[in-house]
Amino acid sequence: MVILTDLKGNSRDLPDNIQAAQGARVMVTRNLDTEDGIVNGTFGTIANIVSTAGCGPTTVKLIGLELGNPTAGLKFRRKIPGATDDLVYIERFEEKMSKRGVVRRQFPMKLTFGCTAHKVQGMTMKSAVVFLKRVFESGMAYVALSRTTSHEGLRVINFEQNKIYANPNVTAAMENMSHASFQSTRPLLHFVKSAEHAGPTLTVVHHNAEGLPPHIEDLKSHHELRLADVLCITKTHLSGLFVSPKFQLEGYDMFAMLCGLPHHR
């Protein structure tokens, strides 16, 4: 028997409890709908909390978020009959916990008034406060300092110049690019050309997509990647058992091995 009041999840489980209030900044911690842009790492501000009150205790049913991206979460809007707001409403998410036989239903989000530089890679924002004291590796400061659209929107706390440094290998590679030949910068085409008369070949290409939904059109138009006989795409940020046909590439048969599913599938 598991006493629920004493049940504590680990860092990979849905949180034991969350603190929520209107105006609080939160981050979604699960991929709820990758096509609709509600994924692990989506930021928002709580603008509405919908509760149900009956004979028992009051229960929170929905949490309405205001997102910075107006095109994300279209499927999650207008969930309250008669409501005129344009908020993205998140319901409780259900998943098995690390403790065997236990299922938890919880809102997949956590307070995020601040976050690490790793979490904001690729994001663009009007303003940000950057704390540089805990930079511990090359490139971190660059990622944090280059998120805002203007210098006016950037505020730096604990500025230390020695925290801003690049990886020596990256610096060397950048210097080499200035005098590298055009042929050497297109290794796949170069390889295919050199192997034209070498007999039958099997070309396998691995590509880290860092999110397939926003990059599928780029991939479809990439002339080098499409030369592969076998194209392995990782970090797609897709989830669930169904993969939308829009991710199908002409001339290829798709085999999906999504995160969290048993390998025999």
C-alpha atoms as a PDB file:
ATOM      1  CA  MET A   1       0.000   0.000   0.000  1.00  0.00           C
ATOM      2  CA  VAL A   2       1.255   3.504  -0.850  1.00  0.00           C
ATOM      3  CA  ILE A   3       0.229   6.341   1.459  1.00  0.00           C
ATOM      4  CA  LEU A   4      -0.358   9.195  -0.972  1.00  0.00           C
ATOM      5  CA  THR A   5       0.446  11.933   1.529  1.00  0.00           C
ATOM      6  CA  ASP A   6       3.958  10.498   1.873  1.00  0.00           C
ATOM      7  CA  LEU A   7       4.502   9.889  -1.837  1.00  0.00           C
ATOM      8  CA  LYS A   8       7.371  11.922  -3.210  1.00  0.00           C
ATOM      9  CA  GLY A   9       8.346  11.856  -6.851  1.00  0.00           C
ATOM     10  CA  ASN A  10      11.825  12.222  -8.255  1.00  0.00           C
ATOM     11  CA  SER A  11      13.061  14.969 -10.575  1.00  0.00           C
ATOM     12  CA  ARG A  12      11.661  13.178 -13.646  1.00  0.00           C
ATOM     13  CA  ASP A  13       8.127  12.807 -12.251  1.00  0.00           C
ATOM     14  CA  LEU A  14       5.348  15.368 -12.382  1.00  0.00           C
ATOM     15  CA  PRO A  15       5.815  17.677  -9.366  1.00  0.00           C
ATOM     16  CA  ASP A  16       4.394  16.756  -5.957  1.00  0.00           C
ATOM     17  CA  ASN A  17       2.744  20.169  -5.824  1.00  0.00           C
ATOM     18  CA  ILE A  18       2.897  23.447  -7.713  1.00  0.00           C
ATOM     19  CA  GLN A  19       2.425  27.060  -6.697  1.00  0.00           C
ATOM     20  CA  ALA A  20       0.168  29.029  -8.995  1.00  0.00           C
ATOM     21  CA  ALA A  21      -1.161  32.570  -8.970  1.00  0.00           C
ATOM     22  CA  GLN A  22      -2.235  35.072 -11.575  1.00  0.00           C
ATOM     23  CA  GLY A  23       0.812  36.877 -12.906  1.00  0.00           C
ATOM     24  CA  ALA A  24       3.223  34.035 -12.135  1.00  0.00           C
ATOM     25  CA  ARG A  25       5.711  33.028 -14.833  1.00  0.00           C
ATOM     26  CA  VAL A  26       5.700  29.294 -15.509  1.00  0.00           C
ATOM     27  CA  MET A  27       7.217  26.806 -17.910  1.00  0.00           C
ATOM     28  CA  VAL A  28       5.473  23.764 -19.391  1.00  0.00           C
ATOM     29  CA  THR A  29       7.451  20.614 -18.560  1.00  0.00           C
ATOM     30  CA  ARG A  30       5.911  18.075 -20.933  1.00  0.00           C
ATOM     31  CA  ASN A  31       5.370  17.814 -24.698  1.00  0.00           C
ATOM     32  CA  LEU A  32       1.580  18.259 -24.785  1.00  0.00           C
ATOM     33  CA  ASP A  33       1.263  18.983 -28.512  1.00  0.00           C
ATOM     34  CA  THR A  34       4.445  19.425 -30.526  1.00  0.00           C
ATOM     35  CA  GLU A  35       2.616  20.472 -33.701  1.00  0.00           C
ATOM     36  CA  ASP A  36       0.755  23.165 -31.767  1.00  0.00           C
ATOM     37  CA  GLY A  37       3.883  24.458 -30.022  1.00  0.00           C
ATOM     38  CA  ILE A  38       2.994  23.415 -26.458  1.00  0.00           C
ATOM     39  CA  VAL A  39       6.170  21.558 -25.544  1.00  0.00           C
ATOM     40  CA  ASN A  40       8.638  21.099 -22.728  1.00  0.00           C
ATOM     41  CA  GLY A  41      10.213  24.539 -22.333  1.00  0.00           C
ATOM     42  CA  THR A  42       7.229  26.663 -23.432  1.00  0.00           C
ATOM     43  CA  PHE A  43       7.031  29.787 -21.248  1.00  0.00           C
ATOM     44  CA  GLY A  44       3.888  31.619 -20.246  1.00  0.00           C
ATOM     45  CA  THR A  45       2.240  33.824 -17.638  1.00  0.00           C
ATOM     46  CA  ILE A  46      -0.723  32.594 -15.610  1.00  0.00           C
ATOM     47  CA  ALA A  47      -3.673  34.837 -16.466  1.00  0.00           C
ATOM     48  CA  ASN A  48      -6.596  32.736 -15.202  1.00  0.00           C
ATOM     49  CA  ILE A  49      -7.192  29.846 -12.802  1.00  0.00           C
ATOM     50  CA  VAL A  50     -10.419  27.920 -13.312  1.00  0.00           C
ATOM     51  CA  SER A  51     -11.694  26.058 -10.255  1.00  0.00           C
ATOM     52  CA  THR A  52     -14.669  23.826  -9.558  1.00  0.00           C
ATOM     53  CA  ALA A  53     -16.381  24.090  -6.194  1.00  0.00           C
ATOM     54  CA  GLY A  54     -18.846  21.503  -4.946  1.00  0.00           C
ATOM     55  CA  CYS A  55     -19.584  19.825  -1.666  1.00  0.00           C
ATOM     56  CA  GLY A  56     -15.939  18.878  -1.264  1.00  0.00           C
ATOM     57  CA  PRO A  57     -12.734  20.896  -1.491  1.00  0.00           C
ATOM     58  CA  THR A  58     -12.176  23.365  -4.312  1.00  0.00           C
ATOM     59  CA  THR A  59     -10.322  21.775  -7.231  1.00  0.00           C
ATOM     60  CA  VAL A  60      -8.333  23.584  -9.897  1.00  0.00           C
ATOM     61  CA  LYS A  61      -9.549  22.380 -13.294  1.00  0.00           C
ATOM     62  CA  LEU A  62      -7.675  24.565 -15.793  1.00  0.00           C
ATOM     63  CA  ILE A  63      -4.794  27.020 -15.750  1.00  0.00           C
ATOM     64  CA  GLY A  64      -4.936  29.707 -18.443  1.00  0.00           C
ATOM     65  CA  LEU A  65      -1.604  30.895 -19.815  1.00  0.00           C
ATOM     66  CA  GLU A  66      -0.731  33.958 -21.831  1.00  0.00           C
ATOM     67  CA  LEU A  67       2.055  32.989 -24.227  1.00  0.00           C
ATOM     68  CA  GLY A  68       4.554  35.211 -25.970  1.00  0.00           C
ATOM     69  CA  ASN A  69       4.006  33.293 -29.222  1.00  0.00           C
ATOM     70  CA  PRO A  70       0.519  34.136 -30.591  1.00  0.00           C
ATOM     71  CA  THR A  71       0.553  31.172 -33.002  1.00  0.00           C
ATOM     72  CA  ALA A  72       1.205  28.511 -30.348  1.00  0.00           C
ATOM     73  CA  GLY A  73      -1.472  26.595 -28.492  1.00  0.00           C
ATOM     74  CA  LEU A  74      -4.338  27.224 -30.909  1.00  0.00           C
ATOM     75  CA  LYS A  75      -5.914  23.872 -29.971  1.00  0.00           C
ATOM     76  CA  PHE A  76      -5.806  24.809 -26.281  1.00  0.00           C
ATOM     77  CA  ARG A  77      -7.767  28.048 -26.573  1.00  0.00           C
ATOM     78  CA  ARG A  78     -11.488  28.750 -26.011  1.00  0.00           C
ATOM     79  CA  LYS A  79     -11.929  25.803 -23.640  1.00  0.00           C
ATOM     80  CA  ILE A  80     -14.368  27.706 -21.426  1.00  0.00           C
ATOM     81  CA  PRO A  81     -17.872  28.027 -22.927  1.00  0.00           C
ATOM     82  CA  GLY A  82     -18.761  31.660 -23.515  1.00  0.00           C
ATOM     83  CA  ALA A  83     -15.287  32.956 -22.696  1.00  0.00           C
ATOM     84  CA  THR A  84     -13.877  35.653 -24.955  1.00  0.00           C
ATOM     85  CA  ASP A  85     -10.232  35.501 -23.861  1.00  0.00           C
ATOM     86  CA  ASP A  86      -7.492  34.078 -26.041  1.00  0.00           C
ATOM     87  CA  LEU A  87      -5.618  32.210 -23.317  1.00  0.00           C
ATOM     88  CA  VAL A  88      -4.044  28.786 -23.663  1.00  0.00           C
ATOM     89  CA  TYR A  89      -5.719  26.497 -21.128  1.00  0.00           C
ATOM     90  CA  ILE A  90      -3.686  23.639 -19.679  1.00  0.00           C
ATOM     91  CA  GLU A  91      -5.376  20.648 -18.046  1.00  0.00           C
ATOM     92  CA  ARG A  92      -3.938  18.154 -15.612  1.00  0.00           C
ATOM     93  CA  PHE A  93      -1.602  15.679 -17.263  1.00  0.00           C
ATOM     94  CA  GLU A  94      -1.584  12.005 -16.291  1.00  0.00           C
ATOM     95  CA  GLU A  95       1.457   9.751 -16.367  1.00  0.00           C
ATOM     96  CA  LYS A  96       3.014   6.849 -14.493  1.00  0.00           C
ATOM     97  CA  MET A  97       5.458   7.752 -11.757  1.00  0.00           C
ATOM     98  CA  SER A  98       8.824   6.143 -11.187  1.00  0.00           C
ATOM     99  CA  LYS A  99       7.264   4.274  -8.250  1.00  0.00           C
ATOM    100  CA  ARG A 100       5.758   1.184  -9.820  1.00  0.00           C
ATOM    101  CA  GLY A 101       1.978   1.049 -10.067  1.00  0.00           C
ATOM    102  CA  VAL A 102       1.427   4.720  -9.226  1.00  0.00           C
ATOM    103  CA  VAL A 103      -0.144   7.251 -11.602  1.00  0.00           C
ATOM    104  CA  ARG A 104      -0.105  10.979 -10.916  1.00  0.00           C
ATOM    105  CA  ARG A 105      -2.410  13.661 -12.328  1.00  0.00           C
ATOM    106  CA  GLN A 106      -0.821  17.081 -12.114  1.00  0.00           C
ATOM    107  CA  PHE A 107      -0.425  20.284 -14.114  1.00  0.00           C
ATOM    108  CA  PRO A 108       2.796  19.849 -16.132  1.00  0.00           C
ATOM    109  CA  MET A 109       4.390  23.165 -15.257  1.00  0.00           C
ATOM    110  CA  LYS A 110       6.647  24.850 -12.736  1.00  0.00           C
ATOM    111  CA  LEU A 111       7.467  28.366 -11.628  1.00  0.00           C
ATOM    112  CA  THR A 112      10.048  29.931 -13.938  1.00  0.00           C
ATOM    113  CA  PHE A 113      10.755  33.534 -13.063  1.00  0.00           C
ATOM    114  CA  GLY A 114      14.309  32.623 -14.010  1.00  0.00           C
ATOM    115  CA  CYS A 115      15.884  29.787 -15.981  1.00  0.00           C
ATOM    116  CA  THR A 116      19.248  28.549 -17.191  1.00  0.00           C
ATOM    117  CA  ALA A 117      20.930  29.739 -20.366  1.00  0.00           C
ATOM    118  CA  HIS A 118      20.513  26.259 -21.833  1.00  0.00           C
ATOM    119  CA  LYS A 119      16.723  26.566 -21.659  1.00  0.00           C
ATOM    120  CA  VAL A 120      16.587  29.792 -23.669  1.00  0.00           C
ATOM    121  CA  GLN A 121      18.723  28.679 -26.617  1.00  0.00           C
ATOM    122  CA  GLY A 122      17.019  29.808 -29.814  1.00  0.00           C
ATOM    123  CA  MET A 123      14.570  32.131 -28.041  1.00  0.00           C
ATOM    124  CA  THR A 124      14.064  35.801 -28.916  1.00  0.00           C
ATOM    125  CA  MET A 125      12.639  38.291 -26.415  1.00  0.00           C
ATOM    126  CA  LYS A 126      12.263  42.034 -25.979  1.00  0.00           C
ATOM    127  CA  SER A 127      13.882  42.166 -22.543  1.00  0.00           C
ATOM    128  CA  ALA A 128      15.905  39.976 -20.210  1.00  0.00           C
ATOM    129  CA  VAL A 129      17.972  40.148 -17.032  1.00  0.00           C
ATOM    130  CA  VAL A 130      21.160  38.076 -17.313  1.00  0.00           C
ATOM    131  CA  PHE A 131      23.060  36.864 -14.245  1.00  0.00           C
ATOM    132  CA  LEU A 132      26.615  35.984 -15.289  1.00  0.00           C
ATOM    133  CA  LYS A 133      28.123  34.922 -11.970  1.00  0.00           C
ATOM    134  CA  ARG A 134      27.409  31.218 -12.449  1.00  0.00           C
ATOM    135  CA  VAL A 135      28.620  30.831 -16.026  1.00  0.00           C
ATOM    136  CA  PHE A 136      30.681  27.638 -16.027  1.00  0.00           C
ATOM    137  CA  GLU A 137      31.351  26.759 -19.656  1.00  0.00           C
ATOM    138  CA  SER A 138      32.191  28.312 -22.993  1.00  0.00           C
ATOM    139  CA  GLY A 139      29.339  29.811 -24.981  1.00  0.00           C
ATOM    140  CA  MET A 140      26.926  30.153 -22.048  1.00  0.00           C
ATOM    141  CA  ALA A 141      27.366  33.911 -21.782  1.00  0.00           C
ATOM    142  CA  TYR A 142      26.888  34.333 -25.534  1.00  0.00           C
ATOM    143  CA  VAL A 143      23.616  32.375 -25.460  1.00  0.00           C
ATOM    144  CA  ALA A 144      22.271  34.444 -22.563  1.00  0.00           C
ATOM    145  CA  LEU A 145      23.412  37.842 -23.850  1.00  0.00           C
ATOM    146  CA  SER A 146      22.139  37.378 -27.403  1.00  0.00           C
ATOM    147  CA  ARG A 147      18.468  36.695 -26.620  1.00  0.00           C
ATOM    148  CA  THR A 148      17.123  40.261 -26.698  1.00  0.00           C
ATOM    149  CA  THR A 149      16.182  42.247 -29.786  1.00  0.00           C
ATOM    150  CA  SER A 150      17.945  45.413 -28.574  1.00  0.00           C
ATOM    151  CA  HIS A 151      20.638  46.588 -26.169  1.00  0.00           C
ATOM    152  CA  GLU A 152      18.008  48.613 -24.325  1.00  0.00           C
ATOM    153  CA  GLY A 153      16.176  45.428 -23.393  1.00  0.00           C
ATOM    154  CA  LEU A 154      19.230  43.766 -21.848  1.00  0.00           C
ATOM    155  CA  ARG A 155      20.283  44.138 -18.226  1.00  0.00           C
ATOM    156  CA  VAL A 156      23.393  42.356 -16.928  1.00  0.00           C
ATOM    157  CA  ILE A 157      23.977  41.515 -13.262  1.00  0.00           C
ATOM    158  CA  ASN A 158      27.409  40.539 -11.901  1.00  0.00           C
ATOM    159  CA  PHE A 159      29.239  41.321 -15.115  1.00  0.00           C
ATOM    160  CA  GLU A 160      32.634  39.624 -15.266  1.00  0.00           C
ATOM    161  CA  GLN A 161      34.496  39.823 -18.553  1.00  0.00           C
ATOM    162  CA  ASN A 162      36.285  36.506 -17.979  1.00  0.00           C
ATOM    163  CA  LYS A 163      32.903  34.742 -18.061  1.00  0.00           C
ATOM    164  CA  ILE A 164      32.562  35.554 -21.766  1.00  0.00           C
ATOM    165  CA  TYR A 165      34.693  33.120 -23.715  1.00  0.00           C
ATOM    166  CA  ALA A 166      34.395  30.733 -26.643  1.00  0.00           C
ATOM    167  CA  ASN A 167      35.389  27.111 -27.030  1.00  0.00           C
ATOM    168  CA  PRO A 168      38.927  27.054 -28.511  1.00  0.00           C
ATOM    169  CA  ASN A 169      37.900  24.349 -30.973  1.00  0.00           C
ATOM    170  CA  VAL A 170      35.029  26.509 -32.227  1.00  0.00           C
ATOM    171  CA  THR A 171      37.314  29.521 -32.579  1.00  0.00           C
ATOM    172  CA  ALA A 172      39.808  27.471 -34.587  1.00  0.00           C
ATOM    173  CA  ALA A 173      37.043  26.127 -36.830  1.00  0.00           C
ATOM    174  CA  MET A 174      35.704  29.631 -37.484  1.00  0.00           C
ATOM    175  CA  GLU A 175      39.163  30.842 -38.447  1.00  0.00           C
ATOM    176  CA  ASN A 176      39.579  27.878 -40.773  1.00  0.00           C
ATOM    177  CA  MET A 177      36.294  28.652 -42.547  1.00  0.00           C
ATOM    178  CA  SER A 178      37.668  31.898 -43.948  1.00  0.00           C
ATOM    179  CA  HIS A 179      40.134  30.045 -46.179  1.00  0.00           C
ATOM    180  CA  ALA A 180      38.404  26.672 -46.548  1.00  0.00           C
ATOM    181  CA  SER A 181      37.551  25.567 -50.080  1.00  0.00           C
ATOM    182  CA  PHE A 182      33.927  25.477 -51.191  1.00  0.00           C
ATOM    183  CA  GLN A 183      34.233  21.758 -51.890  1.00  0.00           C
ATOM    184  CA  SER A 184      35.422  20.966 -48.373  1.00  0.00           C
ATOM    185  CA  THR A 185      32.425  22.736 -46.850  1.00  0.00           C
ATOM    186  CA  ARG A 186      30.073  20.325 -48.639  1.00  0.00           C
ATOM    187  CA  PRO A 187      31.372  16.987 -47.348  1.00  0.00           C
ATOM    188  CA  LEU A 188      28.377  14.894 -48.375  1.00  0.00           C
ATOM    189  CA  LEU A 189      28.348  16.089 -51.986  1.00  0.00           C
ATOM    190  CA  HIS A 190      32.118  15.689 -52.091  1.00  0.00           C
ATOM    191  CA  PHE A 191      31.822  12.142 -50.812  1.00  0.00           C
ATOM    192  CA  VAL A 192      29.076  11.224 -53.278  1.00  0.00           C
ATOM    193  CA  LYS A 193      31.080  12.638 -56.176  1.00  0.00           C
ATOM    194  CA  SER A 194      34.213  10.736 -55.176  1.00  0.00           C
ATOM    195  CA  ALA A 195      32.225   7.514 -54.759  1.00  0.00           C
ATOM    196  CA  GLU A 196      30.409   7.683 -58.113  1.00  0.00           C
ATOM    197  CA  HIS A 197      32.698   5.115 -59.684  1.00  0.00           C
ATOM    198  CA  ALA A 198      33.410   3.082 -56.564  1.00  0.00           C
ATOM    199  CA  GLY A 199      30.475   0.708 -57.014  1.00  0.00           C
ATOM    200  CA  PRO A 200      27.235   0.399 -55.012  1.00  0.00           C
ATOM    201  CA  THR A 201      27.167   2.497 -51.835  1.00  0.00           C
ATOM    202  CA  LEU A 202      24.757   3.080 -48.950  1.00  0.00           C
ATOM    203  CA  THR A 203      24.726   6.667 -47.682  1.00  0.00           C
ATOM    204  CA  VAL A 204      23.522   7.096 -44.080  1.00  0.00           C
ATOM    205  CA  VAL A 205      23.098  10.626 -42.706  1.00  0.00           C
ATOM    206  CA  HIS A 206      22.398  11.505 -39.067  1.00  0.00           C
ATOM    207  CA  HIS A 207      20.836  14.914 -38.395  1.00  0.00           C
ATOM    208  CA  ASN A 208      20.094  16.522 -35.003  1.00  0.00           C
ATOM    209  CA  ALA A 209      16.907  18.478 -35.788  1.00  0.00           C
ATOM    210  CA  GLU A 210      16.518  20.265 -32.422  1.00  0.00           C
ATOM    211  CA  GLY A 211      12.763  20.210 -33.032  1.00  0.00           C
ATOM    212  CA  LEU A 212      11.304  18.787 -36.222  1.00  0.00           C
ATOM    213  CA  PRO A 213       8.023  20.807 -36.397  1.00  0.00           C
ATOM    214  CA  PRO A 214       9.712  24.197 -36.953  1.00  0.00           C
ATOM    215  CA  HIS A 215      12.407  22.752 -39.235  1.00  0.00           C
ATOM    216  CA  ILE A 216      10.575  20.258 -41.438  1.00  0.00           C
ATOM    217  CA  GLU A 217      10.420  22.630 -44.432  1.00  0.00           C
ATOM    218  CA  ASP A 218      14.143  23.369 -44.091  1.00  0.00           C
ATOM    219  CA  LEU A 219      14.866  19.658 -44.106  1.00  0.00           C
ATOM    220  CA  LYS A 220      12.669  19.046 -47.150  1.00  0.00           C
ATOM    221  CA  SER A 221      14.550  21.670 -49.145  1.00  0.00           C
ATOM    222  CA  HIS A 222      18.052  20.669 -48.016  1.00  0.00           C
ATOM    223  CA  HIS A 223      19.687  19.212 -51.129  1.00  0.00           C
ATOM    224  CA  GLU A 224      22.494  17.462 -49.238  1.00  0.00           C
ATOM    225  CA  LEU A 225      20.408  15.679 -46.617  1.00  0.00           C
ATOM    226  CA  ARG A 226      18.067  14.357 -49.283  1.00  0.00           C
ATOM    227  CA  LEU A 227      20.970  12.529 -50.960  1.00  0.00           C
ATOM    228  CA  ALA A 228      20.955  10.023 -48.102  1.00  0.00           C
ATOM    229  CA  ASP A 229      19.688   6.492 -48.623  1.00  0.00           C
ATOM    230  CA  VAL A 230      18.970   6.333 -44.887  1.00  0.00           C
ATOM    231  CA  LEU A 231      18.218   9.563 -43.013  1.00  0.00           C
ATOM    232  CA  CYS A 232      18.234   9.324 -39.204  1.00  0.00           C
ATOM    233  CA  ILE A 233      16.678  12.368 -37.513  1.00  0.00           C
ATOM    234  CA  THR A 234      17.093  12.771 -33.747  1.00  0.00           C
ATOM    235  CA  LYS A 235      15.826  15.291 -31.167  1.00  0.00           C
ATOM    236  CA  THR A 236      12.598  15.710 -33.123  1.00  0.00           C
ATOM    237  CA  HIS A 237      10.653  16.761 -29.979  1.00  0.00           C
ATOM    238  CA  LEU A 238       7.782  14.563 -31.192  1.00  0.00           C
ATOM    239  CA  SER A 239       5.803  12.387 -28.799  1.00  0.00           C
ATOM    240  CA  GLY A 240       2.914   9.924 -28.782  1.00  0.00           C
ATOM    241  CA  LEU A 241       2.122   6.978 -31.025  1.00  0.00           C
ATOM    242  CA  PHE A 242       0.986   8.958 -34.073  1.00  0.00           C
ATOM    243  CA  VAL A 243       3.264  10.982 -36.358  1.00  0.00           C
ATOM    244  CA  SER A 244       1.552  13.511 -38.626  1.00  0.00           C
ATOM    245  CA  PRO A 245       1.799  12.846 -42.397  1.00  0.00           C
ATOM    246  CA  LYS A 246       3.217  16.351 -42.828  1.00  0.00           C
ATOM    247  CA  PHE A 247       6.532  15.010 -41.510  1.00  0.00           C
ATOM    248  CA  GLN A 248       6.699  12.362 -44.240  1.00  0.00           C
ATOM    249  CA  LEU A 249       9.551  12.909 -46.715  1.00  0.00           C
ATOM    250  CA  GLU A 250       8.957  12.068 -50.355  1.00  0.00           C
ATOM    251  CA  GLY A 251      10.982   9.054 -51.416  1.00  0.00           C
ATOM    252  CA  TYR A 252      11.432   7.734 -47.874  1.00  0.00           C
ATOM    253  CA  ASP A 253       9.564   5.252 -45.682  1.00  0.00           C
ATOM    254  CA  MET A 254       9.152   6.573 -42.148  1.00  0.00           C
ATOM    255  CA  PHE A 255       9.993   4.540 -39.048  1.00  0.00           C
ATOM    256  CA  ALA A 256       9.387   6.450 -35.808  1.00  0.00           C
ATOM    257  CA  MET A 257      11.092   5.577 -32.527  1.00  0.00           C
ATOM    258  CA  LEU A 258       9.728   8.232 -30.207  1.00  0.00           C
ATOM    259  CA  CYS A 259      11.110   8.970 -26.776  1.00  0.00           C
ATOM    260  CA  GLY A 260       9.611   6.913 -23.970  1.00  0.00           C
ATOM    261  CA  LEU A 261       8.168   4.126 -26.137  1.00  0.00           C
ATOM    262  CA  PRO A 262       9.422   0.519 -25.866  1.00  0.00           C
ATOM    263  CA  HIS A 263      12.089  -0.229 -28.468  1.00  0.00           C
ATOM    264  CA  HIS A 264      10.245  -3.241 -29.875  1.00  0.00           C
ATOM    265  CA  ARG A 265       7.709  -0.826 -31.393  1.00  0.00           C
END
